[in-house]
Amino acid sequence: MRTLLQCYLVISLTLFSALGYTKASENCLSINADFAKLQALSAQGKYRFVNQLSSKDIPTFSYELQQSYQSYLDFAMQKVIALNPRAKQPCPVNTETYQQLAKQHGWQTQANIAQLVAPFELKQANNDKAILLIHGLTDSPFIFHDIAQFFYQQGFNVRTLLLPGHGTAPSDLLNVHRQAWLQAASYAIERTLLDYQQVYLGGLSTGGTLIFDHLMHQQQVDSKIKGLFMWSPASKAKSDLAWLAKYVDYIPFIDWIDLEADADFAKYESFPYNAAAQVHELMSSVVANQDMAGRSMHDIPVFAVVSEHDQTIDTEHTLSFISRWQQGSSQQQNKHSTLIYYGDKENIPAQLPKLLKVINPKCQQEDWCADVFDVSHISTTNAPDNPHYGVTGAYRNCGHYLKDDARYQACKTQDKVIKGEVTQANITKAIPLKRLTYNPYYQEMLSEILVFLAATQ
């Protein structure tokens, strides 16, 4: 007969197992090796929804310019901890940026998820120059852990921003409005201009669009802004049906485009219609021809990184917008602007080389790119040695096989996979495709950034 203690242990273990608190899921990486757990999480949606709290218990921030950036960072961390169901889960992803932040804040050697997805600032002993980095839709500031270190080593103070609805759980995007993103981005840009003497602004995907939107609403911009960095900037969705998202979102009980396990601690995998609708409206307001009246282009050099094969954003549309931006620039600034184009050189629009310096990297057999088919939308800021998204990282992006259980499992578990963007040609190959999550030309990109910085500072 079982003792009372034995019965208690059996009940406790059963309950913890039912809730997903098994030993194998006790850190952010081990979950990626447990396909059965991934299936269960997809079905249950355990990590899809924020913690349920009363409104008075959810931290708020006014985004008023007199609020210090440190007060913003404190608020953002508190909100991540309050709402993210995995906030305190151990996460042995030991980037150089985390090591620096741990020393700065007195954190433990091993991170938890909140510490990796929250916005951060890497400070120099001066206020000479800074770069503000704004992530994309469904991302978190973790996407800048690699590039932040590079800029810090060049003497920059480095700031990142967490867009509203991010860093918590995908359900936080069900009701977010793009105006909240614009408000946060404007605060971060203007606050950084107050705090530093020279400023660069950098955005990934939607982050880049928010920067363009802010600048284009200004009749004049601060001369402190020395340059823009745009990685896969969002201009127009690759899908011609993206405009339908806002109408589908009006239909009751139809909230989600994709439902996944949300095993990636740093980026949402489940994706709501509202998020697609909001980013579509944002992109349209920035790049649509009919909305250009009253919008200002500015004489600021830009460093853009795009992929011909991007399956999230229409690269041709992006290049068209960059051309318009360059036409509003002086010849002096045009000399400094740079485009890194991953793809076939023959497909680069003819007018671009006249407007800016164009770099079209070629792959050598011994390079990281040798086993990569093409560069994806989500890969441009991550180094090949990133412990989560890099060559040996445990995480695999396989959401393109959601409707094919066998292919999805093979992508997640099979030793032999191919790497690239989710083009139709790639996803129909016999060997399953893992969507590329790191930039195989990362070091070459850093070299060109150094040239750009030397010319613009």
Protein backbone atom coordinates (compact mmCIF):
# COMPACT_ATOMS: atom_id res chain seq x y z
CA MET A 1 0.00 0.00 0.00
CA ARG A 2 1.34 3.42 -0.89
CA THR A 3 2.16 5.86 1.85
CA LEU A 4 0.58 9.30 1.87
CA LEU A 5 3.91 10.78 0.72
CA GLN A 6 4.13 8.35 -2.21
CA CYS A 7 0.60 9.22 -3.28
CA TYR A 8 1.44 12.91 -3.09
CA LEU A 9 4.53 12.42 -5.27
CA VAL A 10 2.60 10.41 -7.87
CA ILE A 11 -0.14 13.06 -8.04
CA SER A 12 2.42 15.87 -8.23
CA LEU A 13 4.42 14.24 -11.02
CA THR A 14 1.24 13.50 -12.98
CA LEU A 15 0.09 17.10 -12.63
CA PHE A 16 3.46 18.53 -13.62
CA SER A 17 3.62 16.21 -16.63
CA ALA A 18 0.13 17.23 -17.72
CA LEU A 19 1.11 20.87 -17.51
CA GLY A 20 4.25 20.24 -19.53
CA TYR A 21 6.69 20.67 -16.65
CA THR A 22 8.76 17.60 -17.42
CA LYS A 23 12.48 17.50 -16.88
CA ALA A 24 13.08 17.55 -20.63
CA SER A 25 11.31 20.92 -20.92
CA GLU A 26 13.08 22.66 -18.07
CA ASN A 27 15.22 24.81 -20.33
CA CYS A 28 14.66 26.65 -23.58
CA LEU A 29 16.80 24.29 -25.70
CA SER A 30 15.85 20.77 -24.62
CA ILE A 31 12.34 21.25 -25.97
CA ASN A 32 13.71 21.28 -29.52
CA ALA A 33 14.85 17.65 -29.21
CA ASP A 34 11.45 16.37 -28.03
CA PHE A 35 9.18 16.07 -31.07
CA ALA A 36 6.30 14.60 -29.07
CA LYS A 37 6.43 17.62 -26.78
CA LEU A 38 6.44 19.97 -29.76
CA GLN A 39 3.30 18.27 -31.09
CA ALA A 40 1.62 18.55 -27.71
CA LEU A 41 2.49 22.21 -27.39
CA SER A 42 1.12 22.93 -30.86
CA ALA A 43 -2.17 21.30 -29.89
CA GLN A 44 -2.40 22.80 -26.39
CA GLY A 45 -1.05 26.26 -27.10
CA LYS A 46 0.58 26.42 -23.68
CA TYR A 47 3.18 29.00 -24.72
CA ARG A 48 0.81 30.80 -27.11
CA PHE A 49 -0.99 32.88 -24.49
CA VAL A 50 0.20 35.49 -22.01
CA ASN A 51 -0.24 35.00 -18.28
CA GLN A 52 -3.70 36.09 -17.22
CA LEU A 53 -3.41 39.14 -14.96
CA SER A 54 -5.72 41.95 -13.98
CA SER A 55 -4.99 45.18 -15.83
CA LYS A 56 -3.69 46.82 -12.64
CA ASP A 57 -0.96 44.18 -12.39
CA ILE A 58 0.38 44.74 -15.92
CA PRO A 59 3.22 47.31 -16.01
CA THR A 60 2.66 50.39 -18.17
CA PHE A 61 4.87 53.10 -19.64
CA SER A 62 3.90 56.54 -20.97
CA TYR A 63 6.61 56.84 -23.67
CA GLU A 64 6.94 60.52 -22.77
CA LEU A 65 10.27 61.96 -23.80
CA GLN A 66 11.24 63.07 -20.29
CA GLN A 67 11.22 59.43 -19.20
CA SER A 68 14.79 58.08 -19.14
CA TYR A 69 15.71 55.12 -21.28
CA GLN A 70 16.66 53.20 -18.16
CA SER A 71 13.13 53.66 -16.82
CA TYR A 72 11.86 52.26 -20.13
CA LEU A 73 14.18 49.25 -19.89
CA ASP A 74 13.03 48.58 -16.31
CA PHE A 75 9.38 48.72 -17.40
CA ALA A 76 9.95 46.40 -20.37
CA MET A 77 11.69 43.77 -18.23
CA GLN A 78 8.88 43.89 -15.67
CA LYS A 79 6.28 43.44 -18.41
CA VAL A 80 8.10 40.46 -19.93
CA ILE A 81 8.34 38.82 -16.50
CA ALA A 82 4.67 39.52 -15.78
CA LEU A 83 3.22 38.23 -19.07
CA ASN A 84 5.63 35.72 -20.61
CA PRO A 85 4.69 32.20 -19.45
CA ARG A 86 8.32 31.09 -19.93
CA ALA A 87 9.99 34.21 -18.49
CA LYS A 88 11.86 32.42 -15.71
CA GLN A 89 12.66 29.28 -17.70
CA PRO A 90 16.44 28.63 -17.76
CA CYS A 91 18.01 29.28 -21.14
CA PRO A 92 21.65 28.22 -21.62
CA VAL A 93 22.22 30.48 -24.64
CA ASN A 94 25.43 32.21 -23.70
CA THR A 95 26.04 35.07 -26.13
CA GLU A 96 28.73 37.69 -25.59
CA THR A 97 25.98 40.25 -25.17
CA TYR A 98 24.39 38.23 -22.39
CA GLN A 99 27.75 37.84 -20.65
CA GLN A 100 28.18 41.60 -20.74
CA LEU A 101 24.65 42.24 -19.48
CA ALA A 102 25.05 39.65 -16.72
CA LYS A 103 28.15 41.42 -15.47
CA GLN A 104 26.45 44.80 -15.75
CA HIS A 105 23.33 43.74 -13.81
CA GLY A 106 24.75 41.07 -11.51
CA TRP A 107 22.77 38.27 -13.18
CA GLN A 108 23.52 34.56 -12.95
CA THR A 109 25.96 32.93 -15.39
CA GLN A 110 23.06 31.13 -17.07
CA ALA A 111 20.31 33.29 -18.51
CA ASN A 112 16.60 32.91 -18.25
CA ILE A 113 14.29 33.69 -21.16
CA ALA A 114 13.22 37.11 -19.87
CA GLN A 115 16.85 38.27 -19.76
CA LEU A 116 17.39 37.22 -23.39
CA VAL A 117 14.25 38.70 -24.95
CA ALA A 118 14.04 41.97 -23.00
CA PRO A 119 15.46 45.17 -24.52
CA PHE A 120 18.95 46.14 -23.39
CA GLU A 121 21.59 48.83 -23.54
CA LEU A 122 25.35 48.29 -23.83
CA LYS A 123 27.00 51.41 -22.44
CA GLN A 124 30.33 53.02 -23.15
CA ALA A 125 31.96 55.45 -20.72
CA ASN A 126 30.87 58.37 -22.93
CA ASN A 127 27.89 59.69 -24.88
CA ASP A 128 29.75 60.24 -28.15
CA LYS A 129 27.83 57.90 -30.43
CA ALA A 130 25.00 55.39 -30.28
CA ILE A 131 23.00 53.03 -32.44
CA LEU A 132 19.36 52.22 -31.78
CA LEU A 133 18.21 48.80 -33.06
CA ILE A 134 14.52 47.97 -33.60
CA HIS A 135 13.44 44.38 -34.24
CA GLY A 136 10.81 43.03 -36.61
CA LEU A 137 7.33 41.56 -36.31
CA THR A 138 7.20 38.51 -33.97
CA ASP A 139 10.88 39.01 -33.05
CA SER A 140 12.60 40.21 -29.87
CA PRO A 141 15.84 42.12 -29.18
CA PHE A 142 17.66 38.78 -29.00
CA ILE A 143 17.86 39.02 -32.80
CA PHE A 144 20.46 41.76 -32.26
CA HIS A 145 22.72 40.01 -29.73
CA ASP A 146 25.39 39.38 -32.37
CA ILE A 147 25.33 42.67 -34.23
CA ALA A 148 25.09 44.63 -30.95
CA GLN A 149 28.46 43.24 -29.90
CA PHE A 150 30.00 44.30 -33.18
CA PHE A 151 28.79 47.88 -32.82
CA TYR A 152 29.83 48.00 -29.16
CA GLN A 153 33.35 46.94 -30.13
CA GLN A 154 33.42 49.87 -32.58
CA GLY A 155 32.85 52.25 -29.66
CA PHE A 156 29.06 52.59 -29.91
CA ASN A 157 26.56 52.75 -27.09
CA VAL A 158 23.97 50.20 -28.24
CA ARG A 159 20.25 50.44 -27.48
CA THR A 160 17.46 48.07 -28.43
CA LEU A 161 13.68 48.48 -28.29
CA LEU A 162 10.97 45.90 -27.55
CA LEU A 163 7.90 46.63 -29.65
CA PRO A 164 4.53 46.44 -27.84
CA GLY A 165 3.02 42.97 -28.09
CA HIS A 166 6.42 41.27 -28.25
CA GLY A 167 8.66 39.38 -25.82
CA THR A 168 5.68 37.87 -24.02
CA ALA A 169 3.49 35.42 -26.01
CA PRO A 170 1.85 35.49 -29.47
CA SER A 171 -1.59 36.28 -28.03
CA ASP A 172 -0.19 39.70 -27.13
CA LEU A 173 -0.43 40.50 -30.87
CA LEU A 174 -4.14 39.70 -31.11
CA ASN A 175 -5.19 43.24 -30.24
CA VAL A 176 -2.06 45.36 -30.67
CA HIS A 177 -2.34 48.41 -32.97
CA ARG A 178 0.46 49.71 -35.17
CA GLN A 179 0.11 53.10 -33.46
CA ALA A 180 1.60 51.53 -30.32
CA TRP A 181 4.66 50.45 -32.35
CA LEU A 182 4.99 53.93 -33.85
CA GLN A 183 4.75 55.55 -30.42
CA ALA A 184 7.43 53.28 -28.96
CA ALA A 185 9.75 53.75 -31.94
CA SER A 186 9.36 57.53 -31.89
CA TYR A 187 10.13 57.65 -28.16
CA ALA A 188 13.25 55.50 -28.59
CA ILE A 189 14.54 57.53 -31.54
CA GLU A 190 13.97 60.94 -29.95
CA ARG A 191 15.24 59.86 -26.54
CA THR A 192 18.43 58.51 -28.12
CA LEU A 193 18.93 61.78 -29.98
CA LEU A 194 18.68 63.60 -26.64
CA ASP A 195 21.21 61.32 -24.98
CA TYR A 196 23.97 61.02 -27.61
CA GLN A 197 26.02 63.20 -29.95
CA GLN A 198 25.97 60.97 -33.04
CA VAL A 199 23.19 58.49 -33.75
CA TYR A 200 22.65 55.64 -36.20
CA LEU A 201 19.27 53.95 -36.51
CA GLY A 202 18.97 50.28 -37.41
CA GLY A 203 15.91 48.16 -38.11
CA LEU A 204 15.14 44.58 -39.07
CA SER A 205 12.08 44.15 -41.29
CA THR A 206 9.19 46.00 -39.55
CA GLY A 207 11.73 47.79 -37.38
CA GLY A 208 13.17 49.42 -40.49
CA THR A 209 9.72 50.48 -41.67
CA LEU A 210 9.02 52.13 -38.32
CA ILE A 211 12.24 54.14 -38.64
CA PHE A 212 11.38 55.26 -42.16
CA ASP A 213 7.87 56.21 -41.05
CA HIS A 214 9.19 58.34 -38.18
CA LEU A 215 11.69 60.16 -40.36
CA MET A 216 9.30 60.72 -43.24
CA HIS A 217 6.88 62.49 -40.91
CA GLN A 218 9.56 65.04 -40.00
CA GLN A 219 9.97 68.17 -42.11
CA GLN A 220 13.56 68.31 -40.89
CA VAL A 221 15.59 65.70 -39.08
CA ASP A 222 18.27 66.09 -36.45
CA SER A 223 21.75 66.41 -37.95
CA LYS A 224 22.94 63.98 -35.28
CA ILE A 225 21.52 61.14 -37.39
CA LYS A 226 24.51 59.92 -39.43
CA GLY A 227 23.10 56.84 -41.14
CA LEU A 228 20.47 54.12 -41.32
CA PHE A 229 20.93 50.34 -41.23
CA MET A 230 18.12 48.34 -42.82
CA TRP A 231 18.14 44.53 -42.70
CA SER A 232 15.37 42.99 -44.88
CA PRO A 233 13.26 46.18 -44.51
CA ALA A 234 9.51 45.60 -44.75
CA SER A 235 7.98 47.31 -47.78
CA LYS A 236 5.31 45.03 -49.19
CA ALA A 237 4.37 41.48 -48.27
CA LYS A 238 5.49 38.78 -50.68
CA SER A 239 1.98 37.34 -50.64
CA ASP A 240 -0.50 39.19 -52.84
CA LEU A 241 -3.23 38.23 -50.36
CA ALA A 242 -1.69 40.09 -47.38
CA TRP A 243 -4.25 42.90 -47.75
CA LEU A 244 -7.01 40.43 -46.83
CA ALA A 245 -5.68 39.92 -43.31
CA LYS A 246 -7.49 42.90 -41.80
CA TYR A 247 -10.81 41.69 -43.23
CA VAL A 248 -10.35 38.11 -42.05
CA ASP A 249 -9.47 39.48 -38.62
CA TYR A 250 -12.98 40.94 -38.35
CA ILE A 251 -14.51 37.44 -38.53
CA PRO A 252 -15.34 36.20 -35.00
CA PHE A 253 -13.28 33.27 -33.69
CA ILE A 254 -10.85 33.35 -36.63
CA ASP A 255 -7.72 34.78 -35.02
CA TRP A 256 -4.71 32.81 -36.21
CA ILE A 257 -2.90 32.35 -39.51
CA ASP A 258 -0.44 29.83 -38.02
CA LEU A 259 -0.59 27.77 -34.82
CA GLU A 260 2.73 26.28 -33.72
CA ALA A 261 4.45 25.07 -30.56
CA ASP A 262 6.13 28.44 -29.92
CA ALA A 263 9.26 26.56 -28.94
CA ASP A 264 11.49 29.38 -30.18
CA PHE A 265 12.03 31.46 -27.03
CA ALA A 266 13.17 34.52 -29.03
CA LYS A 267 10.58 34.71 -31.83
CA TYR A 268 6.88 33.90 -31.97
CA GLU A 269 5.94 30.94 -34.16
CA SER A 270 2.14 31.27 -33.91
CA PHE A 271 0.93 34.24 -35.93
CA PRO A 272 -2.38 36.13 -35.64
CA TYR A 273 -4.30 37.84 -38.43
CA ASN A 274 -4.25 41.12 -36.54
CA ALA A 275 -0.44 41.25 -36.63
CA ALA A 276 -0.46 40.73 -40.39
CA ALA A 277 -3.13 43.39 -40.81
CA GLN A 278 -1.25 45.95 -38.72
CA VAL A 279 2.07 45.50 -40.52
CA HIS A 280 0.31 45.63 -43.90
CA GLU A 281 -1.22 49.00 -43.01
CA LEU A 282 2.12 50.24 -41.73
CA MET A 283 3.96 49.26 -44.91
CA SER A 284 1.25 50.79 -47.07
CA SER A 285 1.50 54.10 -45.23
CA VAL A 286 5.26 54.24 -45.81
CA VAL A 287 5.77 53.04 -49.37
CA ALA A 288 2.45 53.34 -51.23
CA ASN A 289 2.64 55.98 -53.97
CA GLN A 290 -0.73 57.50 -53.11
CA ASP A 291 0.42 58.18 -49.55
CA MET A 292 3.65 59.95 -50.45
CA ALA A 293 2.14 63.45 -50.48
CA GLY A 294 3.41 65.34 -47.50
CA ARG A 295 6.04 62.71 -46.70
CA SER A 296 9.67 63.81 -46.59
CA MET A 297 12.72 61.98 -47.85
CA HIS A 298 15.91 63.03 -46.11
CA ASP A 299 19.59 63.34 -46.91
CA ILE A 300 20.66 60.40 -44.75
CA PRO A 301 22.83 57.58 -46.13
CA VAL A 302 21.44 54.08 -45.86
CA PHE A 303 23.08 50.66 -45.53
CA ALA A 304 20.57 48.05 -46.70
CA VAL A 305 20.81 44.25 -46.69
CA VAL A 306 18.29 42.31 -48.80
CA SER A 307 17.83 38.88 -50.35
CA GLU A 308 16.46 38.31 -53.82
CA HIS A 309 14.73 35.18 -52.55
CA ASP A 310 13.06 36.76 -49.48
CA GLN A 311 9.70 35.00 -49.06
CA THR A 312 8.31 37.40 -46.45
CA ILE A 313 8.89 40.75 -48.16
CA ASP A 314 8.83 41.67 -51.86
CA THR A 315 12.47 42.62 -52.49
CA GLU A 316 11.69 44.41 -55.77
CA HIS A 317 9.32 46.71 -53.88
CA THR A 318 11.99 47.33 -51.25
CA LEU A 319 14.56 48.27 -53.88
CA SER A 320 12.07 50.62 -55.52
CA PHE A 321 11.55 52.41 -52.20
CA ILE A 322 15.31 52.62 -51.54
CA SER A 323 15.70 54.19 -54.99
CA ARG A 324 13.17 56.87 -54.07
CA TRP A 325 14.94 57.48 -50.77
CA GLN A 326 18.25 57.88 -52.59
CA GLN A 327 16.76 60.30 -55.09
CA GLY A 328 16.05 62.60 -52.17
CA SER A 329 19.70 62.49 -51.12
CA SER A 330 22.65 64.57 -52.19
CA GLN A 331 25.35 63.17 -54.44
CA GLN A 332 27.71 63.29 -51.46
CA GLN A 333 25.49 61.03 -49.38
CA ASN A 334 24.71 58.76 -52.32
CA LYS A 335 28.41 57.93 -52.49
CA HIS A 336 28.20 56.47 -48.99
CA SER A 337 24.94 54.53 -49.25
CA THR A 338 25.40 50.78 -49.66
CA LEU A 339 23.25 47.84 -50.68
CA ILE A 340 24.22 44.24 -49.97
CA TYR A 341 22.23 42.07 -52.35
CA TYR A 342 22.11 38.31 -51.81
CA GLY A 343 21.06 36.80 -55.12
CA ASP A 344 21.71 36.82 -58.85
CA LYS A 345 23.65 39.92 -59.90
CA GLU A 346 21.70 40.00 -63.16
CA ASN A 347 18.49 40.69 -61.23
CA ILE A 348 19.73 43.88 -59.56
CA PRO A 349 17.76 46.83 -61.04
CA ALA A 350 19.97 48.76 -63.46
CA GLN A 351 19.33 52.15 -61.84
CA LEU A 352 20.58 51.06 -58.41
CA PRO A 353 24.34 51.06 -59.14
CA LYS A 354 23.97 54.71 -60.18
CA LEU A 355 22.37 55.59 -56.85
CA LEU A 356 24.45 53.66 -54.35
CA LYS A 357 27.29 51.21 -53.87
CA VAL A 358 26.05 47.66 -54.57
CA ILE A 359 27.74 44.60 -53.06
CA ASN A 360 26.83 41.19 -54.46
CA PRO A 361 28.74 38.57 -52.40
CA LYS A 362 29.94 35.41 -54.12
CA CYS A 363 30.20 32.11 -52.32
CA GLN A 364 33.50 30.29 -52.03
CA GLN A 365 33.41 26.53 -51.54
CA GLU A 366 35.07 26.68 -48.12
CA ASP A 367 32.74 29.41 -46.75
CA TRP A 368 29.66 29.10 -44.51
CA CYS A 369 27.52 29.67 -47.57
CA ALA A 370 28.72 26.52 -49.34
CA ASP A 371 25.81 24.39 -48.07
CA VAL A 372 23.17 27.16 -48.19
CA PHE A 373 20.71 27.46 -51.08
CA ASP A 374 19.71 31.10 -50.50
CA VAL A 375 19.46 33.74 -47.77
CA SER A 376 16.17 34.03 -45.91
CA HIS A 377 14.32 37.09 -44.63
CA ILE A 378 14.96 36.20 -40.99
CA SER A 379 18.67 35.41 -41.19
CA THR A 380 20.50 38.64 -41.98
CA THR A 381 21.49 39.82 -38.47
CA ASN A 382 22.56 36.48 -36.96
CA ALA A 383 26.15 35.22 -37.00
CA PRO A 384 26.90 31.61 -38.04
CA ASP A 385 28.15 30.93 -34.49
CA ASN A 386 24.97 32.21 -32.81
CA PRO A 387 24.28 29.60 -30.10
CA HIS A 388 20.54 29.51 -30.86
CA TYR A 389 20.14 30.35 -34.56
CA GLY A 390 23.61 29.47 -35.85
CA VAL A 391 25.10 26.49 -37.65
CA THR A 392 25.15 24.30 -34.53
CA GLY A 393 22.12 25.84 -32.82
CA ALA A 394 19.47 23.45 -31.53
CA TYR A 395 16.53 25.38 -32.96
CA ARG A 396 15.10 24.53 -36.38
CA ASN A 397 12.58 26.73 -38.20
CA CYS A 398 10.17 24.29 -39.88
CA GLY A 399 6.81 26.07 -39.84
CA HIS A 400 6.54 25.86 -43.63
CA TYR A 401 5.65 22.16 -43.21
CA LEU A 402 2.83 22.68 -40.69
CA LYS A 403 0.27 21.03 -42.95
CA ASP A 404 2.48 18.01 -43.61
CA ASP A 405 3.16 16.10 -40.37
CA ALA A 406 5.74 13.75 -41.90
CA ARG A 407 7.79 16.55 -43.47
CA TYR A 408 7.49 18.69 -40.35
CA GLN A 409 8.85 15.86 -38.19
CA ALA A 410 11.65 15.15 -40.68
CA CYS A 411 12.62 18.83 -40.70
CA LYS A 412 12.72 18.93 -36.90
CA THR A 413 14.50 15.62 -36.31
CA GLN A 414 16.32 14.36 -39.43
CA ASP A 415 20.11 14.71 -39.45
CA LYS A 416 20.30 15.61 -43.12
CA VAL A 417 18.43 18.79 -44.03
CA ILE A 418 19.00 21.58 -46.53
CA LYS A 419 19.15 25.25 -45.54
CA GLY A 420 17.71 28.27 -47.30
CA GLU A 421 14.61 30.39 -47.82
CA VAL A 422 11.15 28.80 -48.03
CA THR A 423 10.86 29.04 -51.81
CA GLN A 424 8.62 26.58 -53.60
CA ALA A 425 11.68 25.00 -55.20
CA ASN A 426 13.32 24.43 -51.83
CA ILE A 427 10.38 23.06 -49.84
CA THR A 428 9.52 20.50 -52.51
CA LYS A 429 12.99 18.95 -52.65
CA ALA A 430 13.36 15.36 -51.45
CA ILE A 431 15.47 16.43 -48.46
CA PRO A 432 13.53 18.60 -45.98
CA LEU A 433 14.33 22.30 -45.72
CA LYS A 434 15.30 24.03 -42.47
CA ARG A 435 14.66 27.75 -43.00
CA LEU A 436 17.98 29.57 -42.75
CA THR A 437 18.32 31.47 -39.46
CA TYR A 438 21.88 32.83 -39.76
CA ASN A 439 23.74 34.94 -42.31
CA PRO A 440 26.41 32.87 -44.09
CA TYR A 441 27.98 36.12 -45.35
CA TYR A 442 28.01 37.70 -41.89
CA GLN A 443 31.73 38.57 -41.73
CA GLU A 444 31.65 40.10 -45.21
CA MET A 445 28.70 42.22 -44.12
CA LEU A 446 30.60 43.45 -41.05
CA SER A 447 33.52 44.47 -43.25
CA GLU A 448 31.25 46.58 -45.42
CA ILE A 449 29.62 48.13 -42.33
CA LEU A 450 33.08 49.28 -41.21
CA VAL A 451 33.57 51.01 -44.55
CA PHE A 452 30.16 52.68 -44.25
CA LEU A 453 30.88 53.87 -40.69
CA ALA A 454 34.25 55.28 -41.67
CA ALA A 455 32.62 57.31 -44.47
CA THR A 456 29.66 58.64 -42.49
CA GLN A 457 30.86 59.43 -38.96
